[in-house]
Amino acid sequence: MIQADIPAWLAFVVVGLALAGSTLSLLGAVGLTRLKTFYERVHAPTLGATLGMALILLASIVWFTTVERRFMPREILIGLFLTVTTPVTLILLARAALFRDRTEKAEADKKKPDRGLPG
């Protein structure tokens, strides 16, 4: 492994960003396991993944730009891809769950006996 000559303050910035990002991602995962309904469960990981990913990628940009001595656009492309796909996935999952809930409710309403007046 190659030893990188970077200032200590920069190493602390990179470590701080990476730790903050991983902590937010962990909180999203904990929210996934602790929350009760599907709609709550799908919300927490999306927020944690998006902000956590942004901080981790920012740490990666700072690190590799310093070590390689040139700008590294790879991380920006990764961030752009994840920022676009994560909310779209959330929307598709939420719409599918909403459709399922409405369909099940309509079927349950059809199966209920009519308790109206005889006639």
PDB file of N, CA and C in Angstrom:
ATOM      1  N   MET A   1       0.844  -1.175   0.000  1.00  0.00           N
ATOM      2  CA  MET A   1       0.000   0.000   0.000  1.00  0.00           C
ATOM      3  C   MET A   1       0.888   1.238   0.000  1.00  0.00           C
ATOM      4  N   ILE A   2       0.448   2.260  -0.723  1.00  0.00           N
ATOM      5  CA  ILE A   2       1.226   3.485  -0.832  1.00  0.00           C
ATOM      6  C   ILE A   2       0.832   4.432   0.293  1.00  0.00           C
ATOM      7  N   GLN A   3       1.819   4.996   0.943  1.00  0.00           N
ATOM      8  CA  GLN A   3       1.594   5.965   2.009  1.00  0.00           C
ATOM      9  C   GLN A   3       1.269   7.310   1.381  1.00  0.00           C
ATOM     10  N   ALA A   4       0.140   7.884   1.724  1.00  0.00           N
ATOM     11  CA  ALA A   4      -0.263   9.179   1.173  1.00  0.00           C
ATOM     12  C   ALA A   4       0.224  10.283   2.101  1.00  0.00           C
ATOM     13  N   ASP A   5       0.796  11.319   1.514  1.00  0.00           N
ATOM     14  CA  ASP A   5       1.260  12.468   2.293  1.00  0.00           C
ATOM     15  C   ASP A   5       0.162  13.522   2.295  1.00  0.00           C
ATOM     16  N   ILE A   6      -0.671  13.458   3.320  1.00  0.00           N
ATOM     17  CA  ILE A   6      -1.744  14.450   3.449  1.00  0.00           C
ATOM     18  C   ILE A   6      -1.649  15.060   4.837  1.00  0.00           C
ATOM     19  N   PRO A   7      -2.106  16.293   4.978  1.00  0.00           N
ATOM     20  CA  PRO A   7      -2.082  16.918   6.306  1.00  0.00           C
ATOM     21  C   PRO A   7      -3.058  16.225   7.260  1.00  0.00           C
ATOM     22  N   ALA A   8      -2.730  16.305   8.531  1.00  0.00           N
ATOM     23  CA  ALA A   8      -3.565  15.650   9.550  1.00  0.00           C
ATOM     24  C   ALA A   8      -4.969  16.240   9.582  1.00  0.00           C
ATOM     25  N   TRP A   9      -5.094  17.565   9.400  1.00  0.00           N
ATOM     26  CA  TRP A   9      -6.426  18.177   9.452  1.00  0.00           C
ATOM     27  C   TRP A   9      -7.317  17.651   8.332  1.00  0.00           C
ATOM     28  N   LEU A  10      -6.724  17.349   7.184  1.00  0.00           N
ATOM     29  CA  LEU A  10      -7.503  16.816   6.072  1.00  0.00           C
ATOM     30  C   LEU A  10      -7.953  15.384   6.368  1.00  0.00           C
ATOM     31  N   ALA A  11      -7.077  14.621   6.993  1.00  0.00           N
ATOM     32  CA  ALA A  11      -7.450  13.258   7.382  1.00  0.00           C
ATOM     33  C   ALA A  11      -8.621  13.289   8.358  1.00  0.00           C
ATOM     34  N   PHE A  12      -8.606  14.246   9.298  1.00  0.00           N
ATOM     35  CA  PHE A  12      -9.711  14.372  10.252  1.00  0.00           C
ATOM     36  C   PHE A  12     -11.014  14.767   9.553  1.00  0.00           C
ATOM     37  N   VAL A  13     -10.926  15.620   8.561  1.00  0.00           N
ATOM     38  CA  VAL A  13     -12.120  16.018   7.794  1.00  0.00           C
ATOM     39  C   VAL A  13     -12.693  14.808   7.063  1.00  0.00           C
ATOM     40  N   VAL A  14     -11.836  14.039   6.415  1.00  0.00           N
ATOM     41  CA  VAL A  14     -12.287  12.858   5.675  1.00  0.00           C
ATOM     42  C   VAL A  14     -12.913  11.841   6.620  1.00  0.00           C
ATOM     43  N   VAL A  15     -12.263  11.595   7.745  1.00  0.00           N
ATOM     44  CA  VAL A  15     -12.792  10.638   8.725  1.00  0.00           C
ATOM     45  C   VAL A  15     -14.119  11.136   9.289  1.00  0.00           C
ATOM     46  N   GLY A  16     -14.206  12.429   9.587  1.00  0.00           N
ATOM     47  CA  GLY A  16     -15.457  12.990  10.115  1.00  0.00           C
ATOM     48  C   GLY A  16     -16.606  12.858   9.136  1.00  0.00           C
ATOM     49  N   LEU A  17     -16.348  13.165   7.865  1.00  0.00           N
ATOM     50  CA  LEU A  17     -17.394  13.028   6.851  1.00  0.00           C
ATOM     51  C   LEU A  17     -17.815  11.572   6.676  1.00  0.00           C
ATOM     52  N   ALA A  18     -16.851  10.679   6.635  1.00  0.00           N
ATOM     53  CA  ALA A  18     -17.170   9.260   6.452  1.00  0.00           C
ATOM     54  C   ALA A  18     -17.938   8.705   7.655  1.00  0.00           C
ATOM     55  N   LEU A  19     -17.538   9.094   8.859  1.00  0.00           N
ATOM     56  CA  LEU A  19     -18.251   8.629  10.047  1.00  0.00           C
ATOM     57  C   LEU A  19     -19.663   9.202  10.126  1.00  0.00           C
ATOM     58  N   ALA A  20     -19.817  10.477   9.795  1.00  0.00           N
ATOM     59  CA  ALA A  20     -21.157  11.080   9.811  1.00  0.00           C
ATOM     60  C   ALA A  20     -22.051  10.400   8.776  1.00  0.00           C
ATOM     61  N   GLY A  21     -21.528  10.138   7.600  1.00  0.00           N
ATOM     62  CA  GLY A  21     -22.310   9.466   6.567  1.00  0.00           C
ATOM     63  C   GLY A  21     -22.691   8.048   6.946  1.00  0.00           C
ATOM     64  N   SER A  22     -21.754   7.325   7.518  1.00  0.00           N
ATOM     65  CA  SER A  22     -22.067   5.948   7.916  1.00  0.00           C
ATOM     66  C   SER A  22     -23.032   5.915   9.093  1.00  0.00           C
ATOM     67  N   THR A  23     -22.948   6.902   9.981  1.00  0.00           N
ATOM     68  CA  THR A  23     -23.895   6.979  11.096  1.00  0.00           C
ATOM     69  C   THR A  23     -25.311   7.240  10.590  1.00  0.00           C
ATOM     70  N   LEU A  24     -25.450   8.144   9.630  1.00  0.00           N
ATOM     71  CA  LEU A  24     -26.778   8.408   9.064  1.00  0.00           C
ATOM     72  C   LEU A  24     -27.324   7.182   8.332  1.00  0.00           C
ATOM     73  N   SER A  25     -26.476   6.476   7.627  1.00  0.00           N
ATOM     74  CA  SER A  25     -26.922   5.253   6.963  1.00  0.00           C
ATOM     75  C   SER A  25     -27.339   4.201   7.976  1.00  0.00           C
ATOM     76  N   LEU A  26     -26.602   4.104   9.075  1.00  0.00           N
ATOM     77  CA  LEU A  26     -26.955   3.168  10.141  1.00  0.00           C
ATOM     78  C   LEU A  26     -28.290   3.544  10.777  1.00  0.00           C
ATOM     79  N   LEU A  27     -28.512   4.835  10.990  1.00  0.00           N
ATOM     80  CA  LEU A  27     -29.796   5.270  11.550  1.00  0.00           C
ATOM     81  C   LEU A  27     -30.953   4.920  10.618  1.00  0.00           C
ATOM     82  N   GLY A  28     -30.735   5.040   9.320  1.00  0.00           N
ATOM     83  CA  GLY A  28     -31.760   4.629   8.365  1.00  0.00           C
ATOM     84  C   GLY A  28     -32.050   3.141   8.456  1.00  0.00           C
ATOM     85  N   ALA A  29     -31.003   2.334   8.633  1.00  0.00           N
ATOM     86  CA  ALA A  29     -31.191   0.888   8.771  1.00  0.00           C
ATOM     87  C   ALA A  29     -31.909   0.541  10.066  1.00  0.00           C
ATOM     88  N   VAL A  30     -31.585   1.251  11.143  1.00  0.00           N
ATOM     89  CA  VAL A  30     -32.269   1.031  12.422  1.00  0.00           C
ATOM     90  C   VAL A  30     -33.739   1.422  12.285  1.00  0.00           C
ATOM     91  N   GLY A  31     -34.001   2.534  11.594  1.00  0.00           N
ATOM     92  CA  GLY A  31     -35.382   2.943  11.360  1.00  0.00           C
ATOM     93  C   GLY A  31     -36.151   1.905  10.571  1.00  0.00           C
ATOM     94  N   LEU A  32     -35.473   1.228   9.660  1.00  0.00           N
ATOM     95  CA  LEU A  32     -36.117   0.174   8.879  1.00  0.00           C
ATOM     96  C   LEU A  32     -36.586  -0.965   9.770  1.00  0.00           C
ATOM     97  N   THR A  33     -35.802  -1.300  10.774  1.00  0.00           N
ATOM     98  CA  THR A  33     -36.175  -2.411  11.646  1.00  0.00           C
ATOM     99  C   THR A  33     -37.122  -2.004  12.766  1.00  0.00           C
ATOM    100  N   ARG A  34     -37.090  -0.751  13.196  1.00  0.00           N
ATOM    101  CA  ARG A  34     -37.879  -0.328  14.354  1.00  0.00           C
ATOM    102  C   ARG A  34     -39.279   0.176  14.023  1.00  0.00           C
ATOM    103  N   LEU A  35     -39.467   0.747  12.851  1.00  0.00           N
ATOM    104  CA  LEU A  35     -40.755   1.336  12.527  1.00  0.00           C
ATOM    105  C   LEU A  35     -41.773   0.250  12.182  1.00  0.00           C
ATOM    106  N   LYS A  36     -43.044   0.565  12.381  1.00  0.00           N
ATOM    107  CA  LYS A  36     -44.085  -0.459  12.321  1.00  0.00           C
ATOM    108  C   LYS A  36     -44.685  -0.673  10.934  1.00  0.00           C
ATOM    109  N   THR A  37     -45.138   0.382  10.278  1.00  0.00           N
ATOM    110  CA  THR A  37     -45.838   0.210   9.009  1.00  0.00           C
ATOM    111  C   THR A  37     -44.867   0.276   7.835  1.00  0.00           C
ATOM    112  N   PHE A  38     -45.333  -0.229   6.703  1.00  0.00           N
ATOM    113  CA  PHE A  38     -44.500  -0.223   5.506  1.00  0.00           C
ATOM    114  C   PHE A  38     -44.131   1.191   5.101  1.00  0.00           C
ATOM    115  N   TYR A  39     -45.082   2.102   5.182  1.00  0.00           N
ATOM    116  CA  TYR A  39     -44.843   3.475   4.736  1.00  0.00           C
ATOM    117  C   TYR A  39     -43.809   4.180   5.614  1.00  0.00           C
ATOM    118  N   GLU A  40     -43.807   3.880   6.900  1.00  0.00           N
ATOM    119  CA  GLU A  40     -42.769   4.421   7.788  1.00  0.00           C
ATOM    120  C   GLU A  40     -41.430   3.767   7.492  1.00  0.00           C
ATOM    121  N   ARG A  41     -41.455   2.468   7.260  1.00  0.00           N
ATOM    122  CA  ARG A  41     -40.211   1.733   7.018  1.00  0.00           C
ATOM    123  C   ARG A  41     -39.507   2.166   5.745  1.00  0.00           C
ATOM    124  N   VAL A  42     -40.255   2.521   4.733  1.00  0.00           N
ATOM    125  CA  VAL A  42     -39.638   2.881   3.466  1.00  0.00           C
ATOM    126  C   VAL A  42     -39.079   4.307   3.518  1.00  0.00           C
ATOM    127  N   HIS A  43     -39.572   5.129   4.431  1.00  0.00           N
ATOM    128  CA  HIS A  43     -39.152   6.525   4.517  1.00  0.00           C
ATOM    129  C   HIS A  43     -37.772   6.681   5.164  1.00  0.00           C
ATOM    130  N   ALA A  44     -37.547   6.021   6.276  1.00  0.00           N
ATOM    131  CA  ALA A  44     -36.300   6.192   7.037  1.00  0.00           C
ATOM    132  C   ALA A  44     -35.045   5.784   6.254  1.00  0.00           C
ATOM    133  N   PRO A  45     -35.014   4.607   5.626  1.00  0.00           N
ATOM    134  CA  PRO A  45     -33.798   4.244   4.895  1.00  0.00           C
ATOM    135  C   PRO A  45     -33.530   5.139   3.697  1.00  0.00           C
ATOM    136  N   THR A  46     -34.578   5.669   3.093  1.00  0.00           N
ATOM    137  CA  THR A  46     -34.369   6.545   1.939  1.00  0.00           C
ATOM    138  C   THR A  46     -33.653   7.815   2.345  1.00  0.00           C
ATOM    139  N   LEU A  47     -34.102   8.417   3.441  1.00  0.00           N
ATOM    140  CA  LEU A  47     -33.443   9.635   3.910  1.00  0.00           C
ATOM    141  C   LEU A  47     -32.026   9.348   4.393  1.00  0.00           C
ATOM    142  N   GLY A  48     -31.871   8.268   5.158  1.00  0.00           N
ATOM    143  CA  GLY A  48     -30.541   7.913   5.652  1.00  0.00           C
ATOM    144  C   GLY A  48     -29.582   7.561   4.533  1.00  0.00           C
ATOM    145  N   ALA A  49     -30.083   6.846   3.539  1.00  0.00           N
ATOM    146  CA  ALA A  49     -29.217   6.451   2.434  1.00  0.00           C
ATOM    147  C   ALA A  49     -28.792   7.655   1.592  1.00  0.00           C
ATOM    148  N   THR A  50     -29.706   8.575   1.377  1.00  0.00           N
ATOM    149  CA  THR A  50     -29.379   9.713   0.514  1.00  0.00           C
ATOM    150  C   THR A  50     -28.370  10.646   1.173  1.00  0.00           C
ATOM    151  N   LEU A  51     -28.635  11.077   2.394  1.00  0.00           N
ATOM    152  CA  LEU A  51     -27.713  11.991   3.064  1.00  0.00           C
ATOM    153  C   LEU A  51     -26.424  11.285   3.471  1.00  0.00           C
ATOM    154  N   GLY A  52     -26.525  10.049   3.937  1.00  0.00           N
ATOM    155  CA  GLY A  52     -25.329   9.285   4.286  1.00  0.00           C
ATOM    156  C   GLY A  52     -24.433   9.057   3.083  1.00  0.00           C
ATOM    157  N   MET A  53     -25.051   8.735   1.949  1.00  0.00           N
ATOM    158  CA  MET A  53     -24.288   8.544   0.722  1.00  0.00           C
ATOM    159  C   MET A  53     -23.593   9.831   0.308  1.00  0.00           C
ATOM    160  N   ALA A  54     -24.281  10.957   0.444  1.00  0.00           N
ATOM    161  CA  ALA A  54     -23.681  12.239   0.057  1.00  0.00           C
ATOM    162  C   ALA A  54     -22.451  12.548   0.903  1.00  0.00           C
ATOM    163  N   LEU A  55     -22.520  12.305   2.202  1.00  0.00           N
ATOM    164  CA  LEU A  55     -21.375  12.590   3.075  1.00  0.00           C
ATOM    165  C   LEU A  55     -20.211  11.631   2.812  1.00  0.00           C
ATOM    166  N   ILE A  56     -20.516  10.360   2.586  1.00  0.00           N
ATOM    167  CA  ILE A  56     -19.451   9.393   2.303  1.00  0.00           C
ATOM    168  C   ILE A  56     -18.783   9.710   0.969  1.00  0.00           C
ATOM    169  N   LEU A  57     -19.574  10.064  -0.027  1.00  0.00           N
ATOM    170  CA  LEU A  57     -18.987  10.422  -1.316  1.00  0.00           C
ATOM    171  C   LEU A  57     -18.194  11.724  -1.238  1.00  0.00           C
ATOM    172  N   LEU A  58     -18.639  12.657  -0.409  1.00  0.00           N
ATOM    173  CA  LEU A  58     -17.872  13.886  -0.217  1.00  0.00           C
ATOM    174  C   LEU A  58     -16.515  13.574   0.415  1.00  0.00           C
ATOM    175  N   ALA A  59     -16.503  12.668   1.385  1.00  0.00           N
ATOM    176  CA  ALA A  59     -15.229  12.240   1.975  1.00  0.00           C
ATOM    177  C   ALA A  59     -14.339  11.580   0.922  1.00  0.00           C
ATOM    178  N   SER A  60     -14.938  10.780   0.067  1.00  0.00           N
ATOM    179  CA  SER A  60     -14.169  10.121  -0.995  1.00  0.00           C
ATOM    180  C   SER A  60     -13.615  11.132  -2.001  1.00  0.00           C
ATOM    181  N   ILE A  61     -14.428  12.128  -2.348  1.00  0.00           N
ATOM    182  CA  ILE A  61     -13.960  13.170  -3.270  1.00  0.00           C
ATOM    183  C   ILE A  61     -12.770  13.913  -2.681  1.00  0.00           C
ATOM    184  N   VAL A  62     -12.886  14.304  -1.414  1.00  0.00           N
ATOM    185  CA  VAL A  62     -11.793  15.037  -0.754  1.00  0.00           C
ATOM    186  C   VAL A  62     -10.533  14.163  -0.705  1.00  0.00           C
ATOM    187  N   TRP A  63     -10.678  12.912  -0.321  1.00  0.00           N
ATOM    188  CA  TRP A  63      -9.523  12.023  -0.188  1.00  0.00           C
ATOM    189  C   TRP A  63      -8.824  11.793  -1.530  1.00  0.00           C
ATOM    190  N   PHE A  64      -9.568  11.367  -2.526  1.00  0.00           N
ATOM    191  CA  PHE A  64      -8.929  11.016  -3.795  1.00  0.00           C
ATOM    192  C   PHE A  64      -8.447  12.236  -4.573  1.00  0.00           C
ATOM    193  N   THR A  65      -9.105  13.382  -4.395  1.00  0.00           N
ATOM    194  CA  THR A  65      -8.603  14.600  -5.031  1.00  0.00           C
ATOM    195  C   THR A  65      -7.262  14.995  -4.419  1.00  0.00           C
ATOM    196  N   THR A  66      -7.116  14.814  -3.129  1.00  0.00           N
ATOM    197  CA  THR A  66      -5.867  15.150  -2.457  1.00  0.00           C
ATOM    198  C   THR A  66      -4.763  14.142  -2.780  1.00  0.00           C
ATOM    199  N   VAL A  67      -5.082  12.865  -2.718  1.00  0.00           N
ATOM    200  CA  VAL A  67      -4.074  11.827  -2.934  1.00  0.00           C
ATOM    201  C   VAL A  67      -3.638  11.781  -4.401  1.00  0.00           C
ATOM    202  N   GLU A  68      -4.587  11.835  -5.330  1.00  0.00           N
ATOM    203  CA  GLU A  68      -4.258  11.744  -6.755  1.00  0.00           C
ATOM    204  C   GLU A  68      -3.796  13.082  -7.339  1.00  0.00           C
ATOM    205  N   ARG A  69      -3.987  14.142  -6.592  1.00  0.00           N
ATOM    206  CA  ARG A  69      -3.603  15.492  -7.025  1.00  0.00           C
ATOM    207  C   ARG A  69      -4.353  15.953  -8.279  1.00  0.00           C
ATOM    208  N   ARG A  70      -5.556  15.403  -8.467  1.00  0.00           N
ATOM    209  CA  ARG A  70      -6.428  15.855  -9.548  1.00  0.00           C
ATOM    210  C   ARG A  70      -7.865  15.554  -9.155  1.00  0.00           C
ATOM    211  N   PHE A  71      -8.782  16.256  -9.790  1.00  0.00           N
ATOM    212  CA  PHE A  71     -10.200  16.093  -9.470  1.00  0.00           C
ATOM    213  C   PHE A  71     -10.693  14.738  -9.966  1.00  0.00           C
ATOM    214  N   MET A  72     -11.459  14.056  -9.133  1.00  0.00           N
ATOM    215  CA  MET A  72     -11.981  12.733  -9.477  1.00  0.00           C
ATOM    216  C   MET A  72     -13.498  12.804  -9.646  1.00  0.00           C
ATOM    217  N   PRO A  73     -14.015  12.833 -10.873  1.00  0.00           N
ATOM    218  CA  PRO A  73     -15.462  12.984 -11.093  1.00  0.00           C
ATOM    219  C   PRO A  73     -16.257  11.689 -10.899  1.00  0.00           C
ATOM    220  N   ARG A  74     -15.576  10.572 -10.680  1.00  0.00           N
ATOM    221  CA  ARG A  74     -16.259   9.292 -10.489  1.00  0.00           C
ATOM    222  C   ARG A  74     -17.310   9.359  -9.394  1.00  0.00           C
ATOM    223  N   GLU A  75     -16.941   9.944  -8.267  1.00  0.00           N
ATOM    224  CA  GLU A  75     -17.838  10.002  -7.125  1.00  0.00           C
ATOM    225  C   GLU A  75     -19.074  10.858  -7.410  1.00  0.00           C
ATOM    226  N   ILE A  76     -18.906  11.893  -8.203  1.00  0.00           N
ATOM    227  CA  ILE A  76     -20.058  12.732  -8.549  1.00  0.00           C
ATOM    228  C   ILE A  76     -21.041  11.934  -9.396  1.00  0.00           C
ATOM    229  N   LEU A  77     -20.540  11.123 -10.307  1.00  0.00           N
ATOM    230  CA  LEU A  77     -21.422  10.284 -11.121  1.00  0.00           C
ATOM    231  C   LEU A  77     -22.138   9.238 -10.268  1.00  0.00           C
ATOM    232  N   ILE A  78     -21.428   8.658  -9.310  1.00  0.00           N
ATOM    233  CA  ILE A  78     -22.049   7.697  -8.398  1.00  0.00           C
ATOM    234  C   ILE A  78     -23.140   8.384  -7.585  1.00  0.00           C
ATOM    235  N   GLY A  79     -22.836   9.553  -7.052  1.00  0.00           N
ATOM    236  CA  GLY A  79     -23.820  10.299  -6.266  1.00  0.00           C
ATOM    237  C   GLY A  79     -25.032  10.696  -7.084  1.00  0.00           C
ATOM    238  N   LEU A  80     -24.809  11.108  -8.308  1.00  0.00           N
ATOM    239  CA  LEU A  80     -25.913  11.478  -9.193  1.00  0.00           C
ATOM    240  C   LEU A  80     -26.811  10.270  -9.454  1.00  0.00           C
ATOM    241  N   PHE A  81     -26.209   9.136  -9.735  1.00  0.00           N
ATOM    242  CA  PHE A  81     -26.982   7.919  -9.987  1.00  0.00           C
ATOM    243  C   PHE A  81     -27.808   7.525  -8.762  1.00  0.00           C
ATOM    244  N   LEU A  82     -27.183   7.520  -7.588  1.00  0.00           N
ATOM    245  CA  LEU A  82     -27.906   7.130  -6.378  1.00  0.00           C
ATOM    246  C   LEU A  82     -28.967   8.155  -5.983  1.00  0.00           C
ATOM    247  N   THR A  83     -28.693   9.432  -6.215  1.00  0.00           N
ATOM    248  CA  THR A  83     -29.665  10.459  -5.881  1.00  0.00           C
ATOM    249  C   THR A  83     -30.892  10.374  -6.777  1.00  0.00           C
ATOM    250  N   VAL A  84     -30.709   9.959  -8.003  1.00  0.00           N
ATOM    251  CA  VAL A  84     -31.849   9.824  -8.913  1.00  0.00           C
ATOM    252  C   VAL A  84     -32.609   8.526  -8.647  1.00  0.00           C
ATOM    253  N   THR A  85     -31.908   7.431  -8.439  1.00  0.00           N
ATOM    254  CA  THR A  85     -32.580   6.130  -8.338  1.00  0.00           C
ATOM    255  C   THR A  85     -33.230   5.877  -6.980  1.00  0.00           C
ATOM    256  N   THR A  86     -32.694   6.384  -5.897  1.00  0.00           N
ATOM    257  CA  THR A  86     -33.263   6.107  -4.580  1.00  0.00           C
ATOM    258  C   THR A  86     -34.676   6.680  -4.429  1.00  0.00           C
ATOM    259  N   PRO A  87     -34.933   7.950  -4.724  1.00  0.00           N
ATOM    260  CA  PRO A  87     -36.309   8.444  -4.607  1.00  0.00           C
ATOM    261  C   PRO A  87     -37.275   7.792  -5.602  1.00  0.00           C
ATOM    262  N   VAL A  88     -36.792   7.462  -6.794  1.00  0.00           N
ATOM    263  CA  VAL A  88     -37.661   6.806  -7.771  1.00  0.00           C
ATOM    264  C   VAL A  88     -38.077   5.433  -7.250  1.00  0.00           C
ATOM    265  N   THR A  89     -37.149   4.710  -6.658  1.00  0.00           N
ATOM    266  CA  THR A  89     -37.460   3.410  -6.071  1.00  0.00           C
ATOM    267  C   THR A  89     -38.465   3.567  -4.944  1.00  0.00           C
ATOM    268  N   LEU A  90     -38.284   4.581  -4.099  1.00  0.00           N
ATOM    269  CA  LEU A  90     -39.231   4.847  -3.010  1.00  0.00           C
ATOM    270  C   LEU A  90     -40.631   5.093  -3.567  1.00  0.00           C
ATOM    271  N   ILE A  91     -40.737   5.905  -4.599  1.00  0.00           N
ATOM    272  CA  ILE A  91     -42.038   6.219  -5.171  1.00  0.00           C
ATOM    273  C   ILE A  91     -42.693   4.964  -5.745  1.00  0.00           C
ATOM    274  N   LEU A  92     -41.930   4.152  -6.464  1.00  0.00           N
ATOM    275  CA  LEU A  92     -42.494   2.938  -7.042  1.00  0.00           C
ATOM    276  C   LEU A  92     -42.955   1.954  -5.969  1.00  0.00           C
ATOM    277  N   LEU A  93     -42.170   1.788  -4.923  1.00  0.00           N
ATOM    278  CA  LEU A  93     -42.570   0.897  -3.831  1.00  0.00           C
ATOM    279  C   LEU A  93     -43.815   1.410  -3.116  1.00  0.00           C
ATOM    280  N   ALA A  94     -43.861   2.710  -2.862  1.00  0.00           N
ATOM    281  CA  ALA A  94     -45.014   3.287  -2.171  1.00  0.00           C
ATOM    282  C   ALA A  94     -46.276   3.175  -3.020  1.00  0.00           C
ATOM    283  N   ARG A  95     -46.170   3.410  -4.320  1.00  0.00           N
ATOM    284  CA  ARG A  95     -47.345   3.285  -5.190  1.00  0.00           C
ATOM    285  C   ARG A  95     -47.830   1.845  -5.265  1.00  0.00           C
ATOM    286  N   ALA A  96     -46.911   0.894  -5.328  1.00  0.00           N
ATOM    287  CA  ALA A  96     -47.302  -0.516  -5.369  1.00  0.00           C
ATOM    288  C   ALA A  96     -48.001  -0.906  -4.069  1.00  0.00           C
ATOM    289  N   ALA A  97     -47.480  -0.442  -2.939  1.00  0.00           N
ATOM    290  CA  ALA A  97     -48.108  -0.755  -1.655  1.00  0.00           C
ATOM    291  C   ALA A  97     -49.475  -0.089  -1.539  1.00  0.00           C
ATOM    292  N   LEU A  98     -49.599   1.133  -1.993  1.00  0.00           N
ATOM    293  CA  LEU A  98     -50.884   1.836  -1.966  1.00  0.00           C
ATOM    294  C   LEU A  98     -51.905   1.126  -2.848  1.00  0.00           C
ATOM    295  N   PHE A  99     -51.498   0.690  -4.029  1.00  0.00           N
ATOM    296  CA  PHE A  99     -52.390  -0.058  -4.917  1.00  0.00           C
ATOM    297  C   PHE A  99     -52.843  -1.350  -4.251  1.00  0.00           C
ATOM    298  N   ARG A 100     -51.898  -2.052  -3.618  1.00  0.00           N
ATOM    299  CA  ARG A 100     -52.242  -3.298  -2.927  1.00  0.00           C
ATOM    300  C   ARG A 100     -53.226  -3.044  -1.799  1.00  0.00           C
ATOM    301  N   ASP A 101     -52.999  -1.992  -1.011  1.00  0.00           N
ATOM    302  CA  ASP A 101     -53.898  -1.678   0.094  1.00  0.00           C
ATOM    303  C   ASP A 101     -55.295  -1.332  -0.403  1.00  0.00           C
ATOM    304  N   ARG A 102     -55.375  -0.553  -1.472  1.00  0.00           N
ATOM    305  CA  ARG A 102     -56.687  -0.189  -2.016  1.00  0.00           C
ATOM    306  C   ARG A 102     -57.406  -1.398  -2.599  1.00  0.00           C
ATOM    307  N   THR A 103     -56.678  -2.276  -3.264  1.00  0.00           N
ATOM    308  CA  THR A 103     -57.271  -3.483  -3.850  1.00  0.00           C
ATOM    309  C   THR A 103     -57.791  -4.402  -2.759  1.00  0.00           C
ATOM    310  N   GLU A 104     -57.001  -4.597  -1.709  1.00  0.00           N
ATOM    311  CA  GLU A 104     -57.441  -5.451  -0.606  1.00  0.00           C
ATOM    312  C   GLU A 104     -58.652  -4.859   0.099  1.00  0.00           C
ATOM    313  N   LYS A 105     -58.692  -3.553   0.242  1.00  0.00           N
ATOM    314  CA  LYS A 105     -59.834  -2.907   0.898  1.00  0.00           C
ATOM    315  C   LYS A 105     -61.090  -3.047   0.043  1.00  0.00           C
ATOM    316  N   ALA A 106     -60.950  -2.898  -1.269  1.00  0.00           N
ATOM    317  CA  ALA A 106     -62.105  -3.037  -2.163  1.00  0.00           C
ATOM    318  C   ALA A 106     -62.630  -4.471  -2.139  1.00  0.00           C
ATOM    319  N   GLU A 107     -61.732  -5.446  -2.119  1.00  0.00           N
ATOM    320  CA  GLU A 107     -62.160  -6.841  -2.057  1.00  0.00           C
ATOM    321  C   GLU A 107     -62.831  -7.148  -0.726  1.00  0.00           C
ATOM    322  N   ALA A 108     -62.322  -6.583   0.360  1.00  0.00           N
ATOM    323  CA  ALA A 108     -62.930  -6.804   1.674  1.00  0.00           C
ATOM    324  C   ALA A 108     -64.313  -6.161   1.740  1.00  0.00           C
ATOM    325  N   ASP A 109     -64.486  -5.010   1.102  1.00  0.00           N
ATOM    326  CA  ASP A 109     -65.789  -4.348   1.090  1.00  0.00           C
ATOM    327  C   ASP A 109     -66.810  -5.148   0.287  1.00  0.00           C
ATOM    328  N   LYS A 110     -66.375  -5.828  -0.770  1.00  0.00           N
ATOM    329  CA  LYS A 110     -67.283  -6.650  -1.575  1.00  0.00           C
ATOM    330  C   LYS A 110     -67.755  -7.878  -0.805  1.00  0.00           C
ATOM    331  N   LYS A 111     -66.881  -8.425   0.036  1.00  0.00           N
ATOM    332  CA  LYS A 111     -67.199  -9.656   0.759  1.00  0.00           C
ATOM    333  C   LYS A 111     -68.070  -9.409   1.984  1.00  0.00           C
ATOM    334  N   LYS A 112     -68.174  -8.161   2.456  1.00  0.00           N
ATOM    335  CA  LYS A 112     -69.002  -7.867   3.617  1.00  0.00           C
ATOM    336  C   LYS A 112     -70.465  -8.101   3.271  1.00  0.00           C
ATOM    337  N   PRO A 113     -71.197  -8.748   4.174  1.00  0.00           N
ATOM    338  CA  PRO A 113     -72.623  -8.935   3.904  1.00  0.00           C
ATOM    339  C   PRO A 113     -73.354  -7.594   4.007  1.00  0.00           C
ATOM    340  N   ASP A 114     -74.354  -7.419   3.185  1.00  0.00           N
ATOM    341  CA  ASP A 114     -75.145  -6.187   3.202  1.00  0.00           C
ATOM    342  C   ASP A 114     -76.107  -6.245   4.387  1.00  0.00           C
ATOM    343  N   ARG A 115     -75.999  -5.307   5.279  1.00  0.00           N
ATOM    344  CA  ARG A 115     -76.815  -5.303   6.490  1.00  0.00           C
ATOM    345  C   ARG A 115     -77.960  -4.281   6.365  1.00  0.00           C
ATOM    346  N   GLY A 116     -78.376  -4.047   5.177  1.00  0.00           N
ATOM    347  CA  GLY A 116     -79.462  -3.102   4.945  1.00  0.00           C
ATOM    348  C   GLY A 116     -80.810  -3.721   5.291  1.00  0.00           C
ATOM    349  N   LEU A 117     -81.854  -2.970   5.058  1.00  0.00           N
ATOM    350  CA  LEU A 117     -83.211  -3.440   5.328  1.00  0.00           C
ATOM    351  C   LEU A 117     -83.610  -4.504   4.309  1.00  0.00           C
ATOM    352  N   PRO A 118     -84.345  -5.504   4.772  1.00  0.00           N
ATOM    353  CA  PRO A 118     -84.774  -6.534   3.810  1.00  0.00           C
ATOM    354  C   PRO A 118     -85.752  -5.926   2.819  1.00  0.00           C
ATOM    355  N   GLY A 119     -85.657  -6.406   1.623  1.00  0.00           N
ATOM    356  CA  GLY A 119     -86.608  -5.815   0.809  1.00  0.00           C
ATOM    357  C   GLY A 119     -86.708  -6.091  -0.554  1.00  0.00           C
TER     358      GLY A 119
END
